[in-house]
Amino acid sequence: MDPVKVGICGFGTVGSGTYAVLTRNAAEIAARVGAEIVVAEIGARRGCEDSDVGATAVNRDVFAVADNPEIDIVVELIGGTTTAKDLVLRAIENGKHVVTANKALIAEHGNEIFAVAAEKGVSVAFEAAVAGGIPIIKALREGLAGNRIQWLAGIINGTGNFILTEMRDKGRDFSDVLAEAQALGYAEADPTFDVEGIDAAHKLVILASLAFGIPLQFDKVYTEGISRIAPEDVTYAEELGYRIKHLGIARDTDNGIELRVHPTLIPVKRLIANVNGVMNAVLVQSDAVGPSLYYGAGAGSEPTASAVVADIIDVARTLGATPDARVPYLAFQQSALSAHPVLPIDEVETAFYLRMSAVDRPGVLSRVAQILSDEGISIEALIQKEPPEEANLVPMIILTNRTIEGKLSSAVAQIEGLESIVGEVTRIRVESLAG
């Protein structure tokens, strides 16, 4: 094969890491592809000087890279969903294959991008868009291709996992750990995407599309962050034998597809409950294999670059052949939409952890239990603490059995209306993550 020429657009953390891996491992990569992969041009408005990349051309106009007739593969690493979308569509229109690490772009505009790519007969590869260096996209698309995926659950945002780990191990407040995460570079100055679950929701949509053969539907993901988790919730969860993790969950049910991101209680004995710090993990339940766990670095320069380069190699191998189908639902999009509707959160069934502050008087627990019973919700476990000295409020923690979210919401509204309950009821969903 002739050398495969690559244009990298964006030279930040991932872009520079991708260039480093491609150049450092050039001989090994060429042997695996059967052709040399050459970084022919870098498009970077800032952050890249000629001295950083030797003889490789540097262009301040990223669109010029997409227009360069010598380039075979355009690697989009600039981020965002505006310029990045225009760049990717421009490259596709020019008949070039695209590799991207942009989860927001794929989650929000992937349907359009993949449709245009299919018309042009080019590939759009996006392994690095989910879980950094963990090859979860290839696992779903290739390794588990013979399975029916029943559900998957993932710790797919390292910032949130770092915060919850510190809260558990050191008893720290959310705001305190968030400030440290920002100082360490794990969280942005505006941490909303990480701590409110938007980043995880982007990634979950991509995983669900591949797992269940459905279109990308970011607007239908129920999304809840971790900013309201208190240290006492972490402590009580441990007392009950659970650990709180911020999960993205996709489940194929008889009624439709669950797509949800939220804090979740997981039994401590589950491997995924012991994934700590900034690490990521995805647990997949499939009919033939059963449960399989994919664990590793979910972010960082070279871990993410590893996934980018793997996609470049994958695409390079297909040059001269018909590109493989990377988005399985495209051939049957309309039937997929009708056969697999995404369930609203009120119709999802799960167990719940509830924490409330009750006035220390007789009959409060029985009234709360009656409300739950009236909604058809049974109690699995209960913790009722003695009130601190000279305090008249007692913390009450209830673990329910599985119930429909709408029923639980109705019960919580009634409980919060009781004179003997002060403030809002904290609720966290509970998942056993058993097959």
Protein backbone atom coordinates (compact mmCIF):
# COMPACT_ATOMS: atom_id res chain seq x y z
CA MET A 1 0.00 0.00 0.00
CA ASP A 2 1.03 3.60 -0.57
CA PRO A 3 1.66 5.66 2.57
CA VAL A 4 -1.53 6.75 4.31
CA LYS A 5 -1.51 10.50 4.88
CA VAL A 6 -3.14 11.91 7.99
CA GLY A 7 -4.09 15.47 8.87
CA ILE A 8 -4.49 16.24 12.58
CA CYS A 9 -6.76 19.18 13.42
CA GLY A 10 -6.22 20.43 16.94
CA PHE A 11 -2.94 20.18 18.84
CA GLY A 12 -3.98 20.32 22.46
CA THR A 13 -3.70 17.52 25.00
CA VAL A 14 -5.05 14.78 22.73
CA GLY A 15 -3.72 16.17 19.45
CA SER A 16 -0.17 16.41 20.68
CA GLY A 17 -0.47 12.96 22.26
CA THR A 18 -1.72 11.50 18.98
CA TYR A 19 1.22 13.00 17.08
CA ALA A 20 3.63 11.62 19.69
CA VAL A 21 2.22 8.08 19.53
CA LEU A 22 2.11 8.04 15.72
CA THR A 23 5.71 9.17 15.40
CA ARG A 24 7.17 7.18 18.31
CA ASN A 25 5.53 3.91 17.25
CA ALA A 26 5.71 4.48 13.50
CA ALA A 27 7.51 1.21 12.71
CA GLU A 28 5.13 -0.97 14.73
CA ILE A 29 2.09 0.80 13.29
CA ALA A 30 3.34 0.43 9.71
CA ALA A 31 3.86 -3.31 10.26
CA ARG A 32 0.31 -3.70 11.58
CA VAL A 33 -1.29 -1.68 8.79
CA GLY A 34 0.85 -2.87 5.91
CA ALA A 35 1.63 0.72 5.00
CA GLU A 36 3.37 3.72 6.49
CA ILE A 37 1.13 6.26 8.23
CA VAL A 38 2.43 9.79 7.73
CA VAL A 39 1.24 12.91 9.54
CA ALA A 40 1.26 15.13 6.48
CA GLU A 41 -0.28 18.27 7.98
CA ILE A 42 -1.41 19.69 11.31
CA GLY A 43 -4.17 22.24 11.56
CA ALA A 44 -3.84 24.28 14.74
CA ARG A 45 -4.87 27.85 15.34
CA ARG A 46 -2.59 27.92 18.39
CA GLY A 47 -0.48 25.65 20.57
CA CYS A 48 1.66 24.14 17.82
CA GLU A 49 4.87 25.57 16.39
CA ASP A 50 6.97 24.27 13.51
CA SER A 51 9.64 23.28 16.01
CA ASP A 52 7.16 20.92 17.75
CA VAL A 53 6.56 18.74 14.71
CA GLY A 54 9.76 18.77 12.67
CA ALA A 55 9.13 18.60 8.93
CA THR A 56 5.33 18.24 9.26
CA ALA A 57 3.46 21.19 7.77
CA VAL A 58 1.52 23.39 10.21
CA ASN A 59 -1.53 25.26 8.94
CA ARG A 60 -3.44 27.83 10.99
CA ASP A 61 -6.56 27.11 8.93
CA VAL A 62 -8.04 23.75 9.98
CA PHE A 63 -10.35 23.74 6.97
CA ALA A 64 -7.34 23.82 4.68
CA VAL A 65 -6.43 20.40 6.09
CA ALA A 66 -9.88 19.08 5.15
CA ASP A 67 -9.40 20.53 1.65
CA ASN A 68 -5.89 19.17 1.15
CA PRO A 69 -6.16 16.61 -1.70
CA GLU A 70 -3.16 14.70 -0.32
CA ILE A 71 -4.85 13.88 3.00
CA ASP A 72 -6.58 10.50 3.34
CA ILE A 73 -7.76 10.74 6.97
CA VAL A 74 -8.75 13.89 8.84
CA VAL A 75 -8.41 13.61 12.64
CA GLU A 76 -10.73 16.07 14.40
CA LEU A 77 -9.46 16.93 17.88
CA ILE A 78 -10.53 20.56 18.26
CA GLY A 79 -13.60 19.85 20.39
CA GLY A 80 -16.94 21.63 20.55
CA THR A 81 -19.89 21.16 18.23
CA THR A 82 -19.77 24.16 15.88
CA THR A 83 -16.44 24.47 14.07
CA ALA A 84 -15.82 20.77 14.63
CA LYS A 85 -19.08 19.84 12.91
CA ASP A 86 -18.34 22.08 9.93
CA LEU A 87 -14.83 20.64 9.69
CA VAL A 88 -15.99 17.02 9.80
CA LEU A 89 -18.72 17.59 7.21
CA ARG A 90 -16.24 19.42 4.97
CA ALA A 91 -13.79 16.51 5.19
CA ILE A 92 -16.56 14.01 4.39
CA GLU A 93 -17.76 16.05 1.42
CA ASN A 94 -14.17 15.94 0.16
CA GLY A 95 -14.26 12.13 0.35
CA LYS A 96 -11.96 11.83 3.34
CA HIS A 97 -12.29 9.40 6.24
CA VAL A 98 -12.65 10.99 9.67
CA VAL A 99 -11.39 10.02 13.12
CA THR A 100 -12.68 12.00 16.11
CA ALA A 101 -12.54 11.98 19.89
CA ASN A 102 -15.47 14.40 20.14
CA LYS A 103 -18.26 12.79 22.18
CA ALA A 104 -20.49 15.88 22.15
CA LEU A 105 -20.26 16.10 18.37
CA ILE A 106 -21.16 12.43 17.89
CA ALA A 107 -23.92 12.40 20.51
CA GLU A 108 -25.63 15.56 19.25
CA HIS A 109 -24.93 15.48 15.51
CA GLY A 110 -23.85 11.93 14.80
CA ASN A 111 -27.05 10.94 12.99
CA GLU A 112 -26.47 13.64 10.38
CA ILE A 113 -22.73 13.04 10.14
CA PHE A 114 -23.05 9.27 9.69
CA ALA A 115 -25.77 9.66 7.07
CA VAL A 116 -23.57 11.99 4.99
CA ALA A 117 -20.59 9.68 5.45
CA ALA A 118 -22.64 6.71 4.24
CA GLU A 119 -23.61 8.64 1.10
CA LYS A 120 -19.98 9.47 0.43
CA GLY A 121 -18.73 5.96 1.22
CA VAL A 122 -16.29 7.03 3.93
CA SER A 123 -15.81 6.00 7.56
CA VAL A 124 -16.23 8.08 10.70
CA ALA A 125 -14.41 6.43 13.61
CA PHE A 126 -14.92 7.56 17.21
CA GLU A 127 -13.36 5.07 19.65
CA ALA A 128 -11.73 7.87 21.66
CA ALA A 129 -15.09 9.60 22.21
CA VAL A 130 -15.98 7.22 25.07
CA ALA A 131 -13.82 6.18 28.04
CA GLY A 132 -10.47 7.40 26.69
CA GLY A 133 -8.08 4.52 26.23
CA ILE A 134 -10.60 1.75 26.98
CA PRO A 135 -11.53 0.06 23.66
CA ILE A 136 -15.22 -0.15 24.56
CA ILE A 137 -16.49 0.91 21.12
CA LYS A 138 -14.58 -1.88 19.41
CA ALA A 139 -15.71 -4.32 22.09
CA LEU A 140 -19.37 -3.54 21.40
CA ARG A 141 -19.08 -3.26 17.63
CA GLU A 142 -16.75 -6.21 17.05
CA GLY A 143 -15.92 -8.35 20.09
CA LEU A 144 -19.55 -8.67 21.24
CA ALA A 145 -21.12 -8.49 17.77
CA GLY A 146 -22.60 -11.99 18.13
CA ASN A 147 -24.32 -11.16 21.41
CA ARG A 148 -27.59 -9.54 22.32
CA ILE A 149 -26.64 -6.76 24.71
CA GLN A 150 -29.08 -6.69 27.60
CA TRP A 151 -27.69 -3.73 29.51
CA LEU A 152 -24.55 -1.76 30.22
CA ALA A 153 -23.52 0.47 33.08
CA GLY A 154 -20.48 2.70 33.11
CA ILE A 155 -18.36 5.00 35.23
CA ILE A 156 -17.57 7.15 32.20
CA ASN A 157 -16.55 10.46 33.76
CA GLY A 158 -13.33 10.46 35.75
CA THR A 159 -13.95 13.81 37.44
CA GLY A 160 -17.17 12.65 39.07
CA ASN A 161 -15.59 9.37 40.12
CA PHE A 162 -12.62 11.20 41.68
CA ILE A 163 -14.98 13.41 43.69
CA LEU A 164 -17.08 10.50 45.00
CA THR A 165 -13.96 8.49 45.84
CA GLU A 166 -12.52 11.36 47.90
CA MET A 167 -15.86 11.91 49.65
CA ARG A 168 -15.96 8.23 50.62
CA ASP A 169 -12.31 7.75 51.61
CA LYS A 170 -11.80 11.04 53.46
CA GLY A 171 -15.29 12.18 54.45
CA ARG A 172 -14.91 15.43 52.51
CA ASP A 173 -17.68 17.70 51.19
CA PHE A 174 -18.51 17.83 47.49
CA SER A 175 -17.49 21.48 47.10
CA ASP A 176 -14.15 20.90 48.82
CA VAL A 177 -13.22 17.98 46.55
CA LEU A 178 -14.45 19.81 43.46
CA ALA A 179 -12.06 22.68 44.20
CA GLU A 180 -9.18 20.19 44.44
CA ALA A 181 -10.26 18.49 41.20
CA GLN A 182 -10.12 21.88 39.47
CA ALA A 183 -6.68 22.59 40.95
CA LEU A 184 -5.42 19.21 39.72
CA GLY A 185 -6.81 19.79 36.22
CA TYR A 186 -9.42 17.00 36.48
CA ALA A 187 -12.30 19.51 36.34
CA GLU A 188 -12.73 22.62 34.22
CA ALA A 189 -13.24 26.10 35.66
CA ASP A 190 -16.90 25.53 34.74
CA PRO A 191 -17.38 21.92 35.89
CA THR A 192 -21.03 21.63 34.83
CA PHE A 193 -20.49 19.08 32.05
CA ASP A 194 -18.67 16.75 34.44
CA VAL A 195 -20.51 17.04 37.75
CA GLU A 196 -24.03 17.42 36.31
CA GLY A 197 -23.70 14.36 34.07
CA ILE A 198 -23.77 15.98 30.61
CA ASP A 199 -20.39 14.55 29.60
CA ALA A 200 -21.47 11.07 30.73
CA ALA A 201 -24.79 11.43 28.90
CA HIS A 202 -22.96 12.17 25.64
CA LYS A 203 -20.94 8.99 26.06
CA LEU A 204 -23.92 6.88 27.12
CA VAL A 205 -25.86 7.80 23.97
CA ILE A 206 -22.99 6.56 21.83
CA LEU A 207 -22.71 3.28 23.74
CA ALA A 208 -26.46 2.68 23.60
CA SER A 209 -26.60 3.30 19.85
CA LEU A 210 -24.00 0.61 19.28
CA ALA A 211 -25.33 -1.80 21.89
CA PHE A 212 -28.98 -1.73 20.81
CA GLY A 213 -28.83 -0.57 17.19
CA ILE A 214 -30.79 2.62 17.82
CA PRO A 215 -30.29 6.20 16.61
CA LEU A 216 -28.38 8.67 18.76
CA GLN A 217 -30.95 10.39 21.00
CA PHE A 218 -29.11 12.67 23.42
CA ASP A 219 -32.24 14.69 24.17
CA LYS A 220 -33.93 11.61 25.68
CA VAL A 221 -31.28 10.80 28.29
CA TYR A 222 -32.36 11.38 31.88
CA THR A 223 -29.42 13.26 33.40
CA GLU A 224 -28.70 13.95 37.08
CA GLY A 225 -25.44 15.10 38.63
CA ILE A 226 -23.64 14.51 41.92
CA SER A 227 -23.64 18.02 43.37
CA ARG A 228 -26.36 17.16 45.91
CA ILE A 229 -24.59 14.09 47.33
CA ALA A 230 -23.68 14.73 50.96
CA PRO A 231 -20.95 12.99 52.98
CA GLU A 232 -23.62 11.36 55.17
CA ASP A 233 -25.17 9.72 52.08
CA VAL A 234 -21.81 8.13 51.29
CA THR A 235 -21.49 6.95 54.90
CA TYR A 236 -25.01 5.52 55.12
CA ALA A 237 -24.59 3.75 51.79
CA GLU A 238 -21.48 2.01 53.16
CA GLU A 239 -23.42 0.96 56.27
CA LEU A 240 -26.01 -0.65 54.00
CA GLY A 241 -23.32 -2.50 52.02
CA TYR A 242 -23.38 -0.19 49.00
CA ARG A 243 -21.13 2.36 47.35
CA ILE A 244 -22.29 5.48 45.50
CA LYS A 245 -21.08 5.83 41.91
CA HIS A 246 -22.11 8.20 39.14
CA LEU A 247 -23.29 5.80 36.44
CA GLY A 248 -24.50 5.94 32.89
CA ILE A 249 -26.99 3.09 32.46
CA ALA A 250 -28.57 1.78 29.24
CA ARG A 251 -30.96 -1.16 29.48
CA ASP A 252 -33.10 -2.93 26.89
CA THR A 253 -36.47 -3.72 28.50
CA ASP A 254 -39.73 -5.14 27.15
CA ASN A 255 -41.23 -1.65 27.24
CA GLY A 256 -38.34 0.29 25.71
CA ILE A 257 -34.79 1.50 26.25
CA GLU A 258 -33.67 3.05 29.53
CA LEU A 259 -31.12 5.83 29.07
CA ARG A 260 -30.14 7.43 32.36
CA VAL A 261 -27.20 9.10 34.09
CA HIS A 262 -27.39 9.58 37.84
CA PRO A 263 -25.76 8.75 41.20
CA THR A 264 -26.39 5.08 41.98
CA LEU A 265 -25.93 2.77 44.95
CA ILE A 266 -24.03 -0.40 43.90
CA PRO A 267 -23.30 -3.41 46.12
CA VAL A 268 -19.73 -3.14 47.42
CA LYS A 269 -18.96 -6.67 46.19
CA ARG A 270 -19.35 -5.63 42.53
CA LEU A 271 -16.06 -5.01 40.75
CA ILE A 272 -17.33 -1.75 39.28
CA ALA A 273 -18.05 -0.45 42.80
CA ASN A 274 -14.30 -0.63 43.44
CA VAL A 275 -13.26 1.52 40.47
CA ASN A 276 -11.76 4.58 42.16
CA GLY A 277 -10.20 7.95 41.42
CA VAL A 278 -10.23 9.17 37.83
CA MET A 279 -10.43 5.68 36.33
CA ASN A 280 -13.30 4.61 34.07
CA ALA A 281 -15.07 1.26 33.71
CA VAL A 282 -17.96 -0.13 31.67
CA LEU A 283 -19.83 -3.29 32.67
CA VAL A 284 -21.69 -5.00 29.81
CA GLN A 285 -24.24 -7.77 30.26
CA SER A 286 -24.78 -9.84 27.09
CA ASP A 287 -26.60 -13.09 26.47
CA ALA A 288 -23.69 -15.27 25.30
CA VAL A 289 -20.74 -13.87 27.25
CA GLY A 290 -22.60 -12.79 30.36
CA PRO A 291 -21.04 -9.91 32.30
CA SER A 292 -17.77 -8.40 31.03
CA LEU A 293 -15.96 -5.43 32.56
CA TYR A 294 -13.78 -2.96 30.64
CA TYR A 295 -11.52 -0.88 32.87
CA GLY A 296 -8.79 1.69 32.32
CA ALA A 297 -7.80 5.32 31.96
CA GLY A 298 -10.76 7.31 30.74
CA ALA A 299 -8.86 10.46 29.83
CA GLY A 300 -5.38 11.90 29.46
CA SER A 301 -3.10 12.70 26.55
CA GLU A 302 -1.70 9.32 25.55
CA PRO A 303 -4.52 7.04 26.81
CA THR A 304 -6.96 8.95 24.60
CA ALA A 305 -4.36 9.18 21.82
CA SER A 306 -4.09 5.39 21.96
CA ALA A 307 -7.75 5.13 20.96
CA VAL A 308 -7.35 7.79 18.26
CA VAL A 309 -4.39 5.98 16.72
CA ALA A 310 -6.23 2.65 16.89
CA ASP A 311 -8.99 4.20 14.81
CA ILE A 312 -6.48 5.63 12.32
CA ILE A 313 -5.01 2.12 11.95
CA ASP A 314 -8.49 0.63 11.61
CA VAL A 315 -9.48 3.08 8.88
CA ALA A 316 -6.13 2.74 7.10
CA ARG A 317 -6.68 -1.02 6.82
CA THR A 318 -9.98 -0.44 5.02
CA LEU A 319 -8.58 1.89 2.35
CA GLY A 320 -9.25 0.34 -1.01
CA ALA A 321 -12.16 -1.67 0.39
CA THR A 322 -15.74 -0.80 1.29
CA PRO A 323 -15.69 0.93 4.70
CA ASP A 324 -17.19 -1.21 7.45
CA ALA A 325 -20.54 -0.27 8.96
CA ARG A 326 -19.76 1.62 12.16
CA VAL A 327 -23.30 2.67 13.03
CA PRO A 328 -25.47 -0.44 12.77
CA TYR A 329 -28.86 1.23 13.01
CA LEU A 330 -28.52 3.24 9.77
CA ALA A 331 -29.96 0.46 7.63
CA PHE A 332 -33.12 0.21 9.73
CA GLN A 333 -33.42 3.55 11.47
CA GLN A 334 -37.21 3.94 11.35
CA SER A 335 -37.95 0.43 12.57
CA ALA A 336 -35.37 0.86 15.33
CA LEU A 337 -37.13 3.99 16.55
CA SER A 338 -40.53 2.33 16.76
CA ALA A 339 -39.35 -1.01 18.15
CA HIS A 340 -37.06 0.49 20.78
CA PRO A 341 -38.57 3.67 22.25
CA VAL A 342 -36.57 5.38 24.99
CA LEU A 343 -38.45 5.23 28.28
CA PRO A 344 -39.12 8.45 30.22
CA ILE A 345 -37.55 8.35 33.68
CA ASP A 346 -40.97 8.06 35.40
CA GLU A 347 -41.43 4.63 33.79
CA VAL A 348 -38.05 3.22 34.81
CA GLU A 349 -38.04 0.55 37.52
CA THR A 350 -35.30 0.59 40.17
CA ALA A 351 -34.78 0.47 43.93
CA PHE A 352 -34.13 3.62 45.95
CA TYR A 353 -32.13 4.96 48.88
CA LEU A 354 -34.08 7.70 50.70
CA ARG A 355 -32.71 10.03 53.38
CA MET A 356 -34.90 12.46 55.28
CA SER A 357 -34.79 14.58 58.41
CA ALA A 358 -37.70 13.77 60.74
CA VAL A 359 -38.96 15.46 63.89
CA ASP A 360 -38.17 13.22 66.88
CA ARG A 361 -41.69 12.17 67.84
CA PRO A 362 -43.66 8.90 67.84
CA GLY A 363 -45.48 7.78 64.71
CA VAL A 364 -43.30 9.47 62.07
CA LEU A 365 -41.83 6.26 60.72
CA SER A 366 -45.21 4.53 60.57
CA ARG A 367 -46.68 7.46 58.61
CA VAL A 368 -43.80 7.39 56.10
CA ALA A 369 -44.09 3.61 55.79
CA GLN A 370 -47.83 3.92 55.17
CA ILE A 371 -47.30 6.41 52.34
CA LEU A 372 -44.81 4.08 50.71
CA SER A 373 -47.15 1.12 51.18
CA ASP A 374 -50.06 3.02 49.64
CA GLU A 375 -47.94 3.51 46.53
CA GLY A 376 -47.08 -0.19 46.46
CA ILE A 377 -43.48 0.40 47.59
CA SER A 378 -41.94 -2.02 50.09
CA ILE A 379 -39.04 -1.28 52.44
CA GLU A 380 -35.94 -3.49 52.26
CA ALA A 381 -33.84 -1.86 54.99
CA LEU A 382 -34.07 0.99 57.47
CA ILE A 383 -31.58 3.05 59.48
CA GLN A 384 -32.92 5.42 62.13
CA LYS A 385 -30.27 7.26 64.14
CA GLU A 386 -30.58 8.76 67.60
CA PRO A 387 -30.77 12.54 67.33
CA PRO A 388 -27.67 14.48 68.39
CA GLU A 389 -27.87 15.90 71.91
CA GLU A 390 -30.23 18.88 72.17
CA ALA A 391 -31.40 18.32 68.57
CA ASN A 392 -34.99 17.50 67.68
CA LEU A 393 -34.36 16.16 64.16
CA VAL A 394 -33.41 12.56 63.51
CA PRO A 395 -31.96 11.27 60.22
CA MET A 396 -34.05 8.45 58.72
CA ILE A 397 -32.63 6.30 55.90
CA ILE A 398 -34.81 3.89 53.94
CA LEU A 399 -33.80 1.38 51.26
CA THR A 400 -36.77 0.37 49.11
CA ASN A 401 -37.32 -2.62 46.89
CA ARG A 402 -37.64 -2.07 43.13
CA THR A 403 -40.47 0.21 42.12
CA ILE A 404 -41.56 2.45 39.26
CA GLU A 405 -39.98 5.91 39.46
CA GLY A 406 -43.32 7.67 39.05
CA LYS A 407 -44.73 5.93 42.12
CA LEU A 408 -41.67 6.82 44.14
CA SER A 409 -41.94 10.47 43.05
CA SER A 410 -45.56 10.54 44.20
CA ALA A 411 -44.61 9.03 47.55
CA VAL A 412 -41.73 11.47 48.05
CA ALA A 413 -44.00 14.43 47.33
CA GLN A 414 -46.41 13.20 50.03
CA ILE A 415 -43.61 12.53 52.51
CA GLU A 416 -42.15 16.02 51.98
CA GLY A 417 -45.63 17.40 52.70
CA LEU A 418 -45.69 15.90 56.22
CA GLU A 419 -45.23 18.39 59.07
CA SER A 420 -42.89 15.91 60.73
CA ILE A 421 -40.46 15.84 57.75
CA VAL A 422 -38.13 18.84 57.43
CA GLY A 423 -36.64 19.80 54.07
CA GLU A 424 -36.36 17.71 50.92
CA VAL A 425 -36.01 13.95 50.77
CA THR A 426 -32.69 12.88 49.25
CA ARG A 427 -33.13 10.03 46.79
CA ILE A 428 -30.46 7.95 45.05
CA ARG A 429 -31.25 5.03 42.78
CA VAL A 430 -29.94 1.58 43.64
CA GLU A 431 -28.71 -0.98 41.08
CA SER A 432 -27.59 -4.52 41.91
CA LEU A 433 -25.95 -4.84 38.45
CA ALA A 434 -26.54 -8.58 38.54
CA GLY A 435 -27.26 -10.56 35.36
